[in-house]
Protein backbone atom coordinates (compact mmCIF):
# COMPACT_ATOMS: atom_id res chain seq x y z
CA MET A 1 -4.14 61.32 -48.00
CA GLU A 2 -3.84 60.90 -44.03
CA GLY A 3 -0.21 61.34 -44.77
CA ASP A 4 -0.68 64.56 -46.51
CA LEU A 5 -2.92 65.87 -43.78
CA LEU A 6 -0.57 64.85 -40.97
CA LYS A 7 2.44 66.59 -42.95
CA LYS A 8 0.42 69.87 -43.30
CA ILE A 9 -0.46 69.75 -39.28
CA MET A 10 3.16 69.20 -38.30
CA GLU A 11 4.17 72.00 -40.60
CA ALA A 12 1.66 74.32 -39.03
CA VAL A 13 2.74 73.36 -35.53
CA GLU A 14 6.31 74.06 -36.20
CA ASP A 15 5.70 77.60 -37.78
CA ALA A 16 3.65 78.49 -34.69
CA GLY A 17 6.64 76.93 -32.45
CA GLY A 18 9.09 79.23 -34.38
CA ARG A 19 6.75 82.53 -33.94
CA ASP A 20 6.44 81.83 -30.39
CA GLU A 21 10.18 81.33 -30.01
CA LYS A 22 10.89 84.60 -31.95
CA ALA A 23 8.54 86.63 -29.53
CA VAL A 24 9.75 85.58 -26.49
CA GLY A 25 13.47 84.82 -27.52
CA PRO A 26 16.52 87.15 -26.65
CA SER A 27 17.63 87.33 -30.42
CA GLU A 28 16.64 90.69 -31.07
CA ALA A 29 18.26 93.55 -28.98
CA SER A 30 15.60 96.20 -27.68
CA ASN A 31 17.83 99.04 -27.63
CA GLN A 32 16.66 99.69 -24.04
CA CYS A 33 18.47 99.33 -20.57
CA GLU A 34 16.58 100.37 -17.47
CA LEU A 35 19.63 100.19 -15.06
CA PRO A 36 19.88 103.58 -13.36
CA GLU A 37 23.53 103.37 -14.04
CA PHE A 38 23.20 103.44 -18.08
CA VAL A 39 23.91 106.90 -19.23
CA GLY A 40 23.96 105.90 -23.08
CA ALA A 41 25.67 104.63 -25.96
CA GLY A 42 27.68 105.88 -28.99
CA ILE A 43 29.81 105.44 -31.96
CA GLY A 44 32.84 102.79 -31.65
CA ASP A 45 30.87 100.53 -29.67
CA THR A 46 30.77 103.21 -26.68
CA VAL A 47 28.90 102.79 -23.53
CA GLY A 48 28.63 105.22 -20.72
CA LEU A 49 27.74 104.23 -17.18
CA VAL A 50 27.89 106.07 -13.88
CA ILE A 51 28.06 104.84 -10.32
CA ALA A 52 26.89 106.87 -7.86
CA ASN A 53 28.61 105.42 -4.60
CA LEU A 54 31.91 103.31 -5.81
CA ASP A 55 32.48 100.33 -3.42
CA ALA A 56 35.47 101.42 -1.25
CA SER A 57 37.58 98.38 -2.22
CA LEU A 58 37.22 99.27 -5.98
CA ARG A 59 38.07 102.80 -5.26
CA GLU A 60 41.18 101.68 -3.50
CA LYS A 61 42.33 99.50 -6.30
CA ILE A 62 42.19 102.40 -8.94
CA ASN A 63 43.70 104.68 -6.55
CA LEU A 64 40.76 107.08 -6.26
CA ASP A 65 40.52 109.71 -3.55
CA PRO A 66 38.03 108.71 -0.90
CA LYS A 67 36.31 111.93 -1.35
CA TYR A 68 35.00 111.05 -4.84
CA ARG A 69 32.09 108.95 -4.17
CA SER A 70 30.94 108.58 -7.75
CA ILE A 71 32.57 107.74 -10.97
CA GLY A 72 31.30 107.89 -14.76
CA ILE A 73 33.19 105.42 -16.81
CA VAL A 74 33.02 105.52 -20.71
CA SER A 75 34.71 102.43 -22.72
CA SER A 76 34.78 101.68 -26.04
CA ARG A 77 36.07 98.99 -28.45
CA THR A 78 36.85 101.31 -31.33
CA GLY A 79 38.64 104.86 -30.70
CA GLY A 80 41.19 106.29 -28.68
CA ALA A 81 42.16 109.93 -29.41
CA PRO A 82 38.46 110.77 -30.46
CA HIS A 83 37.29 109.55 -26.83
CA VAL A 84 40.31 111.26 -25.14
CA MET A 85 39.12 114.82 -27.07
CA SER A 86 35.77 114.22 -26.09
CA ALA A 87 36.47 113.78 -22.38
CA ASP A 88 38.64 116.73 -22.61
CA THR A 89 35.59 118.82 -23.54
CA ALA A 90 33.56 116.94 -21.08
CA VAL A 91 36.03 117.58 -18.05
CA LYS A 92 36.11 121.25 -18.98
CA ALA A 93 32.37 121.51 -18.67
CA THR A 94 31.88 119.69 -15.50
CA ASN A 95 32.88 119.60 -11.92
CA THR A 96 34.83 116.33 -12.26
CA ILE A 97 38.41 115.11 -12.45
CA ILE A 98 40.07 112.50 -14.76
CA ALA A 99 40.88 109.60 -12.62
CA SER A 100 42.22 107.14 -15.39
CA VAL A 101 42.71 106.84 -19.24
CA GLU A 102 43.53 103.47 -20.47
CA PHE A 103 44.01 102.36 -24.01
CA ALA A 104 43.48 98.75 -25.19
CA ARG A 105 44.17 96.47 -28.35
CA ASP A 106 41.02 96.51 -29.64
CA THR A 107 39.52 98.07 -33.05
CA LYS A 108 37.58 94.73 -33.23
CA GLY A 109 40.52 93.17 -35.07
CA GLY A 110 41.81 96.28 -36.85
CA ALA A 111 44.91 98.63 -36.64
CA GLY A 112 44.05 100.67 -33.38
CA HIS A 113 42.69 100.96 -30.10
CA GLY A 114 39.97 100.75 -27.60
CA SER A 115 39.67 102.79 -24.69
CA THR A 116 38.28 103.19 -20.90
CA ILE A 117 38.25 106.73 -19.37
CA ILE A 118 37.09 107.28 -15.75
CA PHE A 119 35.68 110.46 -14.36
CA ALA A 120 35.13 111.07 -10.79
CA SER A 121 33.30 113.39 -8.57
CA GLU A 122 32.15 114.27 -5.21
CA ASP A 123 28.29 114.61 -6.63
CA VAL A 124 27.08 111.69 -8.99
CA SER A 125 25.29 114.66 -10.88
CA ASP A 126 28.63 115.67 -12.14
CA SER A 127 29.64 112.31 -13.33
CA ARG A 128 26.74 111.53 -14.91
CA ARG A 129 26.87 114.98 -17.01
CA ALA A 130 30.55 114.10 -17.93
CA VAL A 131 29.37 110.98 -19.29
CA GLU A 132 26.53 112.85 -21.39
CA VAL A 133 28.88 115.42 -22.55
CA MET A 134 31.67 113.09 -23.76
CA LEU A 135 29.03 110.86 -25.46
CA ASP A 136 27.78 114.19 -27.24
CA GLU A 137 30.95 114.84 -28.61
CA LEU A 138 31.94 111.71 -30.21
CA ASP A 139 30.32 111.97 -33.40
CA GLU A 140 32.10 115.20 -34.02
CA ASN A 141 35.51 113.76 -33.13
CA PHE A 142 35.18 110.76 -35.03
CA GLY A 143 34.69 113.22 -38.12
CA ASN A 144 38.39 113.21 -37.82
CA VAL A 145 39.25 109.88 -38.31
CA TYR A 146 39.58 108.34 -41.80
CA GLY A 147 39.45 105.09 -42.83
CA CYS A 148 39.68 102.22 -45.37
CA ASP A 149 40.66 98.46 -45.86
CA ALA A 150 44.33 99.41 -45.66
CA GLY A 151 44.53 101.46 -42.65
CA HIS A 152 43.41 104.67 -41.00
CA ILE A 153 44.35 108.20 -40.18
CA GLU A 154 43.36 110.46 -37.50
CA LEU A 155 43.68 114.14 -36.79
CA HIS A 156 42.77 116.09 -33.81
CA TYR A 157 43.27 119.63 -32.52
CA THR A 158 42.12 121.85 -29.82
CA ALA A 159 42.99 125.50 -28.98
CA ARG A 160 43.13 124.71 -25.17
CA ALA A 161 44.07 121.27 -23.57
CA SER A 162 42.64 120.35 -20.19
CA PHE A 163 42.94 117.16 -18.06
CA ALA A 164 41.83 114.44 -20.19
CA LEU A 165 44.92 115.30 -22.53
CA GLU A 166 47.08 115.97 -19.77
CA LYS A 167 46.17 112.32 -18.17
CA ALA A 168 46.63 110.36 -21.68
CA TRP A 169 49.67 112.13 -23.24
CA GLY A 170 50.94 114.83 -21.05
CA ALA A 171 49.53 118.05 -22.66
CA PRO A 172 50.17 121.29 -21.25
CA ILE A 173 47.05 122.54 -19.64
CA GLY A 174 45.59 125.54 -21.63
CA LYS A 175 47.83 125.35 -24.39
CA ALA A 176 47.19 124.22 -27.88
CA PHE A 177 47.71 120.60 -28.54
CA GLY A 178 47.50 118.26 -31.96
CA ILE A 179 47.57 114.49 -32.42
CA THR A 180 48.34 112.87 -35.43
CA VAL A 181 47.59 109.20 -35.96
CA GLY A 182 48.54 106.86 -39.20
CA ALA A 183 48.26 103.27 -39.80
CA PRO A 184 49.87 101.35 -41.29
CA PRO A 185 52.82 102.86 -39.27
CA ALA A 186 54.84 104.08 -42.17
CA VAL A 187 51.89 106.40 -42.98
CA GLY A 188 52.04 107.75 -39.48
CA MET A 189 55.84 108.24 -39.83
CA LEU A 190 55.17 110.44 -42.75
CA MET A 191 52.25 112.39 -41.20
CA ALA A 192 54.55 112.99 -38.12
CA ASP A 193 57.23 114.29 -40.15
CA VAL A 194 54.96 116.47 -42.24
CA ALA A 195 53.56 117.96 -39.27
CA LEU A 196 56.71 118.67 -37.43
CA LYS A 197 58.09 120.47 -40.66
CA THR A 198 54.93 122.40 -41.33
CA ALA A 199 54.97 124.72 -38.51
CA ASN A 200 56.91 125.81 -35.16
CA VAL A 201 55.39 123.18 -33.08
CA ASP A 202 56.88 121.07 -30.25
CA ILE A 203 56.70 117.28 -30.09
CA VAL A 204 55.25 115.96 -26.76
CA THR A 205 54.89 112.39 -27.28
CA TYR A 206 55.84 109.74 -29.97
CA ALA A 207 54.25 106.14 -29.95
CA SER A 208 55.03 103.13 -32.16
CA PRO A 209 53.65 99.70 -32.23
CA SER A 210 56.40 98.29 -29.48
CA SER A 211 56.71 101.77 -27.60
CA GLY A 212 53.69 103.87 -26.24
CA THR A 213 50.85 101.99 -27.54
CA CYS A 214 49.13 98.59 -26.92
CA TYR A 215 50.82 97.15 -29.72
CA SER A 216 48.57 98.77 -32.41
CA SER A 217 49.85 99.22 -35.83
CA GLU A 218 50.21 102.99 -35.94
CA ILE A 219 52.71 105.64 -35.27
CA ILE A 220 51.13 108.51 -33.29
CA ILE A 221 52.76 111.66 -32.25
CA THR A 222 51.38 114.84 -29.97
CA PHE A 223 52.47 118.20 -30.07
CA THR A 224 52.00 121.85 -28.94
CA GLY A 225 52.52 125.28 -29.89
CA ASP A 226 50.80 128.43 -30.90
CA ALA A 227 47.05 127.77 -31.68
CA GLY A 228 47.61 128.59 -35.58
CA ALA A 229 50.81 126.52 -36.00
CA VAL A 230 49.14 123.44 -34.29
CA LYS A 231 46.24 123.42 -36.54
CA GLN A 232 48.30 123.76 -39.53
CA ALA A 233 50.30 121.32 -38.69
CA VAL A 234 47.39 119.02 -38.40
CA LEU A 235 45.96 119.77 -41.42
CA GLN A 236 49.05 119.23 -43.69
CA ALA A 237 49.45 115.80 -42.16
CA ARG A 238 45.85 115.16 -42.83
CA GLU A 239 46.61 115.78 -46.60
CA ALA A 240 49.90 113.57 -46.36
CA GLY A 241 48.15 110.56 -44.85
CA LEU A 242 45.24 110.76 -47.29
CA SER A 243 47.32 110.77 -50.09
CA VAL A 244 49.43 107.86 -49.02
CA LEU A 245 46.39 105.67 -48.42
CA ARG A 246 44.82 106.66 -51.97
CA GLY A 247 48.05 105.74 -53.50
CA MET A 248 47.46 102.28 -52.06
CA GLY A 249 44.48 102.26 -53.93
CA GLN A 250 42.03 103.09 -51.11
CA ASN A 251 39.27 105.48 -50.74
CA PRO A 252 39.81 106.91 -46.88
CA LEU A 253 36.41 108.29 -45.74
CA SER A 254 35.59 110.14 -42.73
CA THR A 255 33.77 108.14 -39.82
CA THR A 256 31.04 110.72 -39.73
CA SER A 257 31.48 114.24 -40.92
CA PRO A 258 34.93 116.03 -40.98
CA ALA A 259 34.97 119.11 -38.31
CA TRP A 260 37.15 121.00 -40.42
């Protein structure tokens, strides 16, 4: 009898201890950050921060003109082109420059990239606004990313390229610009061929697993031309890429909702 009672008391103590540990432990995320540098987070494990007065030695290391005291920095584990497209919209809407665009071999083990983009401005409010605009644009641009277990495709288009696209891929400022991405790389090669044959567009860059990427398992091209031609090339490349992935027994789906 005493043994049963002692067992019950011990179980009650252990349960209470477990509840207390759960209440005060760090196991559950609060979804809050009270740091003034935190602007927000977004799809693709994206985080956006702003630094009002970047340390002078850091400013020197990233080759930033001293007049640009403030930076906004957006980094992701997944996503390259959607982030550059979003940054391009942000730089058009704010008084900022694109200080750098970098890609990393990431996608949390997938076939593609992660990214880091730095905006710079003389006034911190401009950097903060650029980060806000970029984060707001991500869902729409991720709509043009279609994924499945076998790989993914991406299609991006703008009627007027700006400084983020120029920094990342040498896009001609103010001109229509398109991007096609395919993984596995064979898918990307077919998409590239279809895009360039569909309409009168000029290739700007070509990237493959060992050249122009961070060893991602993709083939990527960018191209320019008249707005109608660039968009038509992107649309036809999308159909080709989706068809091949479906032929591999997959059902590639948009990450959010297709923009067009």
